[in-house]
């Protein structure tokens, strides 16, 4: 299905197939299941109250998109790129996405639950108040941004590449705290 530039779509119910999205598209109150957006380029799109389940967003590129109350469950995100998107209140559950690039994305209050985000990058992102429950961040990169009250407790973070000042205000458990200190060559005890 093709969504035209500047088009407004409400109450879409799509299952399977491929979705081609134009610039400035608005999608509200919709459900997509098993839909492929692999390699799609969404620019200045607006999505509100949209549920994506078992969709393929690998290699998808989202630029300057507004994503309000979006839910992604079991979606494939490998190689996806989000650039300067507003995604506050987004919920990702059991999504698989190595090598995802988040650049200048606001995930304030978002919830990431049991996601695989190893070797991904979070550059100048805002994750204030976000929760990353059981999500893997191994070998990922965090640079700049704001992570105040972001809860990383219980997330595997082995090999996380980050400057300690970039995690100011983040919540970690004792084991994570010790690992972060070791990665900064700080000897405790």
C-alpha atoms as a PDB file:
ATOM      1  CA  UNK A   1       0.000   0.000   0.000  1.00  0.00           C
ATOM      2  CA  UNK A   2       1.268   3.484  -0.853  1.00  0.00           C
ATOM      3  CA  UNK A   3       0.589   6.460   1.427  1.00  0.00           C
ATOM      4  CA  UNK A   4       0.805   9.718  -0.526  1.00  0.00           C
ATOM      5  CA  UNK A   5       2.855  12.777   0.462  1.00  0.00           C
ATOM      6  CA  UNK A   6       0.957  14.910   2.963  1.00  0.00           C
ATOM      7  CA  UNK A   7      -1.868  12.371   3.214  1.00  0.00           C
ATOM      8  CA  UNK A   8      -3.888  11.877   6.402  1.00  0.00           C
ATOM      9  CA  UNK A   9      -4.853   8.329   7.351  1.00  0.00           C
ATOM     10  CA  UNK A  10      -6.974   7.323  10.324  1.00  0.00           C
ATOM     11  CA  UNK A  11      -8.044   3.939  11.628  1.00  0.00           C
ATOM     12  CA  UNK A  12      -5.833   1.915   9.266  1.00  0.00           C
ATOM     13  CA  UNK A  13      -5.942  -1.838   9.886  1.00  0.00           C
ATOM     14  CA  UNK A  14      -3.199  -3.500   7.868  1.00  0.00           C
ATOM     15  CA  UNK A  15      -1.918  -7.041   8.056  1.00  0.00           C
ATOM     16  CA  UNK A  16       1.035  -8.211   5.985  1.00  0.00           C
ATOM     17  CA  UNK A  17       2.363  -6.636   2.838  1.00  0.00           C
ATOM     18  CA  UNK A  18       4.609  -3.640   2.321  1.00  0.00           C
ATOM     19  CA  UNK A  19       3.875  -0.043   3.195  1.00  0.00           C
ATOM     20  CA  UNK A  20       5.391   2.826   1.193  1.00  0.00           C
ATOM     21  CA  UNK A  21       5.126   6.120   3.055  1.00  0.00           C
ATOM     22  CA  UNK A  22       5.432   9.607   1.582  1.00  0.00           C
ATOM     23  CA  UNK A  23       6.744  12.811   3.166  1.00  0.00           C
ATOM     24  CA  UNK A  24       4.572  14.531   5.762  1.00  0.00           C
ATOM     25  CA  UNK A  25       2.136  11.637   6.137  1.00  0.00           C
ATOM     26  CA  UNK A  26      -0.134  11.607   9.191  1.00  0.00           C
ATOM     27  CA  UNK A  27      -1.314   8.264  10.615  1.00  0.00           C
ATOM     28  CA  UNK A  28      -3.589   8.102  13.666  1.00  0.00           C
ATOM     29  CA  UNK A  29      -5.490   5.452  15.619  1.00  0.00           C
ATOM     30  CA  UNK A  30      -4.130   2.611  13.499  1.00  0.00           C
ATOM     31  CA  UNK A  31      -2.883  -0.979  13.825  1.00  0.00           C
ATOM     32  CA  UNK A  32      -0.269  -2.609  11.615  1.00  0.00           C
ATOM     33  CA  UNK A  33       0.608  -6.283  11.969  1.00  0.00           C
ATOM     34  CA  UNK A  34       3.331  -8.090  10.030  1.00  0.00           C
ATOM     35  CA  UNK A  35       3.745  -5.099   7.721  1.00  0.00           C
ATOM     36  CA  UNK A  36       7.131  -4.402   6.126  1.00  0.00           C
ATOM     37  CA  UNK A  37       8.548  -0.888   6.242  1.00  0.00           C
ATOM     38  CA  UNK A  38      12.052  -2.262   5.583  1.00  0.00           C
ATOM     39  CA  UNK A  39      14.203   0.384   3.941  1.00  0.00           C
ATOM     40  CA  UNK A  40      11.375   2.956   3.980  1.00  0.00           C
ATOM     41  CA  UNK A  41      12.186   6.650   4.407  1.00  0.00           C
ATOM     42  CA  UNK A  42       9.700   8.583   6.542  1.00  0.00           C
ATOM     43  CA  UNK A  43      10.325  12.308   6.641  1.00  0.00           C
ATOM     44  CA  UNK A  44       8.282  14.706   8.777  1.00  0.00           C
ATOM     45  CA  UNK A  45       5.644  12.023   9.320  1.00  0.00           C
ATOM     46  CA  UNK A  46       3.300  12.211  12.279  1.00  0.00           C
ATOM     47  CA  UNK A  47       1.990   9.090  13.973  1.00  0.00           C
ATOM     48  CA  UNK A  48      -0.334   9.120  16.986  1.00  0.00           C
ATOM     49  CA  UNK A  49      -1.928   6.167  18.798  1.00  0.00           C
ATOM     50  CA  UNK A  50      -0.440   3.656  16.370  1.00  0.00           C
ATOM     51  CA  UNK A  51       0.333   0.031  17.231  1.00  0.00           C
ATOM     52  CA  UNK A  52       2.908  -1.908  15.220  1.00  0.00           C
ATOM     53  CA  UNK A  53       3.126  -5.628  15.943  1.00  0.00           C
ATOM     54  CA  UNK A  54       5.628  -8.020  14.335  1.00  0.00           C
ATOM     55  CA  UNK A  55       6.502  -5.414  11.696  1.00  0.00           C
ATOM     56  CA  UNK A  56       9.834  -5.168   9.858  1.00  0.00           C
ATOM     57  CA  UNK A  57      11.411  -1.727  10.192  1.00  0.00           C
ATOM     58  CA  UNK A  58      14.956  -2.897   9.414  1.00  0.00           C
ATOM     59  CA  UNK A  59      16.923  -0.270   7.546  1.00  0.00           C
ATOM     60  CA  UNK A  60      14.004   2.140   7.931  1.00  0.00           C
ATOM     61  CA  UNK A  61      14.908   5.826   8.192  1.00  0.00           C
ATOM     62  CA  UNK A  62      12.751   8.260  10.178  1.00  0.00           C
ATOM     63  CA  UNK A  63      13.662  11.944  10.017  1.00  0.00           C
ATOM     64  CA  UNK A  64      12.017  14.719  12.026  1.00  0.00           C
ATOM     65  CA  UNK A  65       8.969  12.569  12.772  1.00  0.00           C
ATOM     66  CA  UNK A  66       6.462  13.083  15.563  1.00  0.00           C
ATOM     67  CA  UNK A  67       5.633   9.791  17.231  1.00  0.00           C
ATOM     68  CA  UNK A  68       3.003  10.078  19.979  1.00  0.00           C
ATOM     69  CA  UNK A  69       1.882   7.089  22.019  1.00  0.00           C
ATOM     70  CA  UNK A  70       3.379   4.612  19.558  1.00  0.00           C
ATOM     71  CA  UNK A  71       3.610   0.949  20.557  1.00  0.00           C
ATOM     72  CA  UNK A  72       6.026  -1.462  18.863  1.00  0.00           C
ATOM     73  CA  UNK A  73       5.846  -5.117  19.868  1.00  0.00           C
ATOM     74  CA  UNK A  74       8.043  -7.842  18.406  1.00  0.00           C
ATOM     75  CA  UNK A  75       9.244  -5.554  15.616  1.00  0.00           C
ATOM     76  CA  UNK A  76      12.537  -5.933  13.756  1.00  0.00           C
ATOM     77  CA  UNK A  77      14.601  -2.713  13.942  1.00  0.00           C
ATOM     78  CA  UNK A  78      18.040  -3.848  12.760  1.00  0.00           C
ATOM     79  CA  UNK A  79      19.880  -0.963  11.110  1.00  0.00           C
ATOM     80  CA  UNK A  80      16.975   1.475  11.569  1.00  0.00           C
ATOM     81  CA  UNK A  81      17.856   5.183  11.820  1.00  0.00           C
ATOM     82  CA  UNK A  82      15.856   7.740  13.781  1.00  0.00           C
ATOM     83  CA  UNK A  83      17.037  11.322  13.354  1.00  0.00           C
ATOM     84  CA  UNK A  84      15.612  14.286  15.318  1.00  0.00           C
ATOM     85  CA  UNK A  85      12.309  12.552  16.119  1.00  0.00           C
ATOM     86  CA  UNK A  86       9.973  13.316  19.013  1.00  0.00           C
ATOM     87  CA  UNK A  87       9.007   9.923  20.430  1.00  0.00           C
ATOM     88  CA  UNK A  88       7.984  10.707  23.997  1.00  0.00           C
ATOM     89  CA  UNK A  89       5.799   8.078  25.608  1.00  0.00           C
ATOM     90  CA  UNK A  90       6.740   5.446  23.031  1.00  0.00           C
ATOM     91  CA  UNK A  91       6.676   1.811  24.121  1.00  0.00           C
ATOM     92  CA  UNK A  92       8.931  -0.853  22.585  1.00  0.00           C
ATOM     93  CA  UNK A  93       8.488  -4.443  23.719  1.00  0.00           C
ATOM     94  CA  UNK A  94      10.542  -7.450  22.623  1.00  0.00           C
ATOM     95  CA  UNK A  95      11.925  -5.619  19.593  1.00  0.00           C
ATOM     96  CA  UNK A  96      15.152  -6.849  18.000  1.00  0.00           C
ATOM     97  CA  UNK A  97      17.423  -4.171  16.638  1.00  0.00           C
ATOM     98  CA  UNK A  98      21.169  -4.341  16.571  1.00  0.00           C
ATOM     99  CA  UNK A  99      22.955  -1.384  14.958  1.00  0.00           C
ATOM    100  CA  UNK A 100      20.021   1.007  15.459  1.00  0.00           C
ATOM    101  CA  UNK A 101      21.039   4.664  15.227  1.00  0.00           C
ATOM    102  CA  UNK A 102      19.155   7.091  17.466  1.00  0.00           C
ATOM    103  CA  UNK A 103      20.374  10.636  16.765  1.00  0.00           C
ATOM    104  CA  UNK A 104      18.794  13.591  18.562  1.00  0.00           C
ATOM    105  CA  UNK A 105      15.672  11.583  19.453  1.00  0.00           C
ATOM    106  CA  UNK A 106      13.470  12.478  22.431  1.00  0.00           C
ATOM    107  CA  UNK A 107      12.322   9.337  24.227  1.00  0.00           C
ATOM    108  CA  UNK A 108      11.183  11.138  27.390  1.00  0.00           C
ATOM    109  CA  UNK A 109       9.067   8.759  29.468  1.00  0.00           C
ATOM    110  CA  UNK A 110       9.434   5.927  26.947  1.00  0.00           C
ATOM    111  CA  UNK A 111       9.497   2.272  27.939  1.00  0.00           C
ATOM    112  CA  UNK A 112      11.832  -0.261  26.332  1.00  0.00           C
ATOM    113  CA  UNK A 113      10.953  -3.752  27.558  1.00  0.00           C
ATOM    114  CA  UNK A 114      13.072  -6.833  26.773  1.00  0.00           C
ATOM    115  CA  UNK A 115      14.504  -5.271  23.593  1.00  0.00           C
ATOM    116  CA  UNK A 116      17.752  -6.297  21.910  1.00  0.00           C
ATOM    117  CA  UNK A 117      19.582  -3.042  21.139  1.00  0.00           C
ATOM    118  CA  UNK A 118      23.193  -4.238  21.254  1.00  0.00           C
ATOM    119  CA  UNK A 119      25.688  -2.207  19.246  1.00  0.00           C
ATOM    120  CA  UNK A 120      23.212   0.624  18.802  1.00  0.00           C
ATOM    121  CA  UNK A 121      23.974   4.303  19.255  1.00  0.00           C
ATOM    122  CA  UNK A 122      22.180   6.965  21.271  1.00  0.00           C
ATOM    123  CA  UNK A 123      23.706  10.291  20.213  1.00  0.00           C
ATOM    124  CA  UNK A 124      22.329  13.482  21.820  1.00  0.00           C
ATOM    125  CA  UNK A 125      19.099  11.724  22.812  1.00  0.00           C
ATOM    126  CA  UNK A 126      16.765  12.683  25.649  1.00  0.00           C
ATOM    127  CA  UNK A 127      15.692   9.692  27.715  1.00  0.00           C
ATOM    128  CA  UNK A 128      14.630  11.570  30.843  1.00  0.00           C
ATOM    129  CA  UNK A 129      12.314   9.370  32.894  1.00  0.00           C
ATOM    130  CA  UNK A 130      12.533   6.497  30.402  1.00  0.00           C
ATOM    131  CA  UNK A 131      12.674   2.874  31.566  1.00  0.00           C
ATOM    132  CA  UNK A 132      14.759   0.224  29.830  1.00  0.00           C
ATOM    133  CA  UNK A 133      13.485  -2.964  31.440  1.00  0.00           C
ATOM    134  CA  UNK A 134      15.624  -5.984  30.611  1.00  0.00           C
ATOM    135  CA  UNK A 135      16.803  -4.444  27.343  1.00  0.00           C
ATOM    136  CA  UNK A 136      20.282  -5.320  26.113  1.00  0.00           C
ATOM    137  CA  UNK A 137      22.610  -2.385  25.473  1.00  0.00           C
ATOM    138  CA  UNK A 138      25.848  -4.380  25.169  1.00  0.00           C
ATOM    139  CA  UNK A 139      28.527  -2.638  23.086  1.00  0.00           C
ATOM    140  CA  UNK A 140      26.206   0.324  22.474  1.00  0.00           C
ATOM    141  CA  UNK A 141      27.336   3.953  22.350  1.00  0.00           C
ATOM    142  CA  UNK A 142      25.846   6.759  24.434  1.00  0.00           C
ATOM    143  CA  UNK A 143      27.073  10.269  23.708  1.00  0.00           C
ATOM    144  CA  UNK A 144      25.580  13.517  24.977  1.00  0.00           C
ATOM    145  CA  UNK A 145      21.905  14.054  25.533  1.00  0.00           C
ATOM    146  CA  UNK A 146      19.965  13.864  28.754  1.00  0.00           C
ATOM    147  CA  UNK A 147      19.308  10.691  30.765  1.00  0.00           C
ATOM    148  CA  UNK A 148      18.008  12.140  34.057  1.00  0.00           C
ATOM    149  CA  UNK A 149      15.934   9.574  35.977  1.00  0.00           C
ATOM    150  CA  UNK A 150      16.334   7.048  33.142  1.00  0.00           C
ATOM    151  CA  UNK A 151      16.205   3.590  34.691  1.00  0.00           C
ATOM    152  CA  UNK A 152      18.796   1.147  33.316  1.00  0.00           C
ATOM    153  CA  UNK A 153      18.714  -1.199  36.306  1.00  0.00           C
ATOM    154  CA  UNK A 154      18.894  -4.825  35.232  1.00  0.00           C
ATOM    155  CA  UNK A 155      19.884  -4.086  31.639  1.00  0.00           C
ATOM    156  CA  UNK A 156      22.944  -5.871  30.279  1.00  0.00           C
ATOM    157  CA  UNK A 157      25.422  -3.066  29.489  1.00  0.00           C
ATOM    158  CA  UNK A 158      28.697  -4.969  29.026  1.00  0.00           C
ATOM    159  CA  UNK A 159      31.021  -3.006  26.773  1.00  0.00           C
ATOM    160  CA  UNK A 160      28.822   0.098  26.848  1.00  0.00           C
ATOM    161  CA  UNK A 161      30.836   2.981  25.385  1.00  0.00           C
ATOM    162  CA  UNK A 162      29.986   6.115  27.293  1.00  0.00           C
ATOM    163  CA  UNK A 163      31.564   8.971  29.187  1.00  0.00           C
ATOM    164  CA  UNK A 164      30.377   8.980  32.788  1.00  0.00           C
ATOM    165  CA  UNK A 165      29.201  12.607  32.518  1.00  0.00           C
ATOM    166  CA  UNK A 166      26.826  11.551  29.739  1.00  0.00           C
ATOM    167  CA  UNK A 167      25.009   9.331  32.243  1.00  0.00           C
ATOM    168  CA  UNK A 168      24.409  12.070  34.821  1.00  0.00           C
ATOM    169  CA  UNK A 169      21.218  11.293  36.713  1.00  0.00           C
ATOM    170  CA  UNK A 170      20.736   7.788  35.282  1.00  0.00           C
ATOM    171  CA  UNK A 171      19.695   4.949  37.605  1.00  0.00           C
ATOM    172  CA  UNK A 172      21.890   1.844  37.568  1.00  0.00           C
ATOM    173  CA  UNK A 173      22.227  -1.123  39.915  1.00  0.00           C
ATOM    174  CA  UNK A 174      25.387  -1.781  41.919  1.00  0.00           C
ATOM    175  CA  UNK A 175      26.831  -4.270  39.422  1.00  0.00           C
ATOM    176  CA  UNK A 176      26.296  -1.845  36.522  1.00  0.00           C
ATOM    177  CA  UNK A 177      27.828   0.996  38.532  1.00  0.00           C
ATOM    178  CA  UNK A 178      30.952  -1.046  39.215  1.00  0.00           C
ATOM    179  CA  UNK A 179      31.221  -2.027  35.527  1.00  0.00           C
ATOM    180  CA  UNK A 180      30.915   1.616  34.478  1.00  0.00           C
ATOM    181  CA  UNK A 181      33.629   2.647  36.931  1.00  0.00           C
ATOM    182  CA  UNK A 182      35.921  -0.132  35.637  1.00  0.00           C
ATOM    183  CA  UNK A 183      35.339   0.986  32.054  1.00  0.00           C
ATOM    184  CA  UNK A 184      36.490   4.471  33.106  1.00  0.00           C
ATOM    185  CA  UNK A 185      39.635   2.952  34.694  1.00  0.00           C
ATOM    186  CA  UNK A 186      38.479   3.892  38.189  1.00  0.00           C
ATOM    187  CA  UNK A 187      39.662   1.461  40.855  1.00  0.00           C
ATOM    188  CA  UNK A 188      37.300   0.924  43.740  1.00  0.00           C
ATOM    189  CA  UNK A 189      38.406  -0.692  47.027  1.00  0.00           C
END
